[in-house]
Amino acid sequence: MEHIHLLGYGGFPKSVCTSVNECICHGIPDSRVLEDGDIINIDVTVYLNGYHGDTSATYFVGEVDEEAKNLVKVTKECLDKAISICAPGVKFNKIGKTIHDHADKHNYGVVQQFVGHGVGRVFHSDPVVLHYRNNGRERMVLNQTFTIEPMLTIGSINPVMWDDNWTVVTEDGGLSAQFEHTILITNDGAEILTQC
């Protein structure tokens, strides 16, 4: 049985999250018309054969400015670099350090209130995966599945939740981008389970 899993999850009213420009995450799709120069993150969860997969990517709408292009590029690089260091025995805090170090090189903020998570038969489970520098001591183990989903900002990393109790935007209205994959820890590193 395959189906999109977000509809109704925790009361979420739609099947996907669509986060435009200053929206950090959990944007609810509506009738807003996208404009040339916007960026949009689309976050999808699928349930297939008893397991969940969670992934997102940020896309350009028409011609975007260099500032937006670079933010999206660096956010994707943060995800790729974090995945590249994953393997059995590696501390989860290395993910946060890898992401934070790369974001810092480009003067971007790393949102700290939202995290990656274990995923499999249950949609959200341990481990909690922090995307910023931390002192966590837990290590990755063979056959573990979890998401890495860094959210970077051009300005403030402080989130503000809208009255819908889902949509989260940057405090200062600055752009935010996110990329996410579900990965499996293998003998020789990590396999991306949500690769298209």
Foldseek 3Di string as FASTA:
>chain_A
DKDWDPPCVVHLPDRKAKAKFQWQTQHHDDDDDDDQAIKIKIWTWMADPLWIWIWIAIDHDHDHDPVVVVQRVLQVVLQVQLQQPAAFFAFLLVSQPSNAVSCVVVQKDWQFPDFKAWTISHRHHDDTRTNHHDDGDDGDHAFTKIKGKIKIWNDASDWDDDPVRGTIGGPVSTTMTMTMFIWGHHNVGIDTPPDD
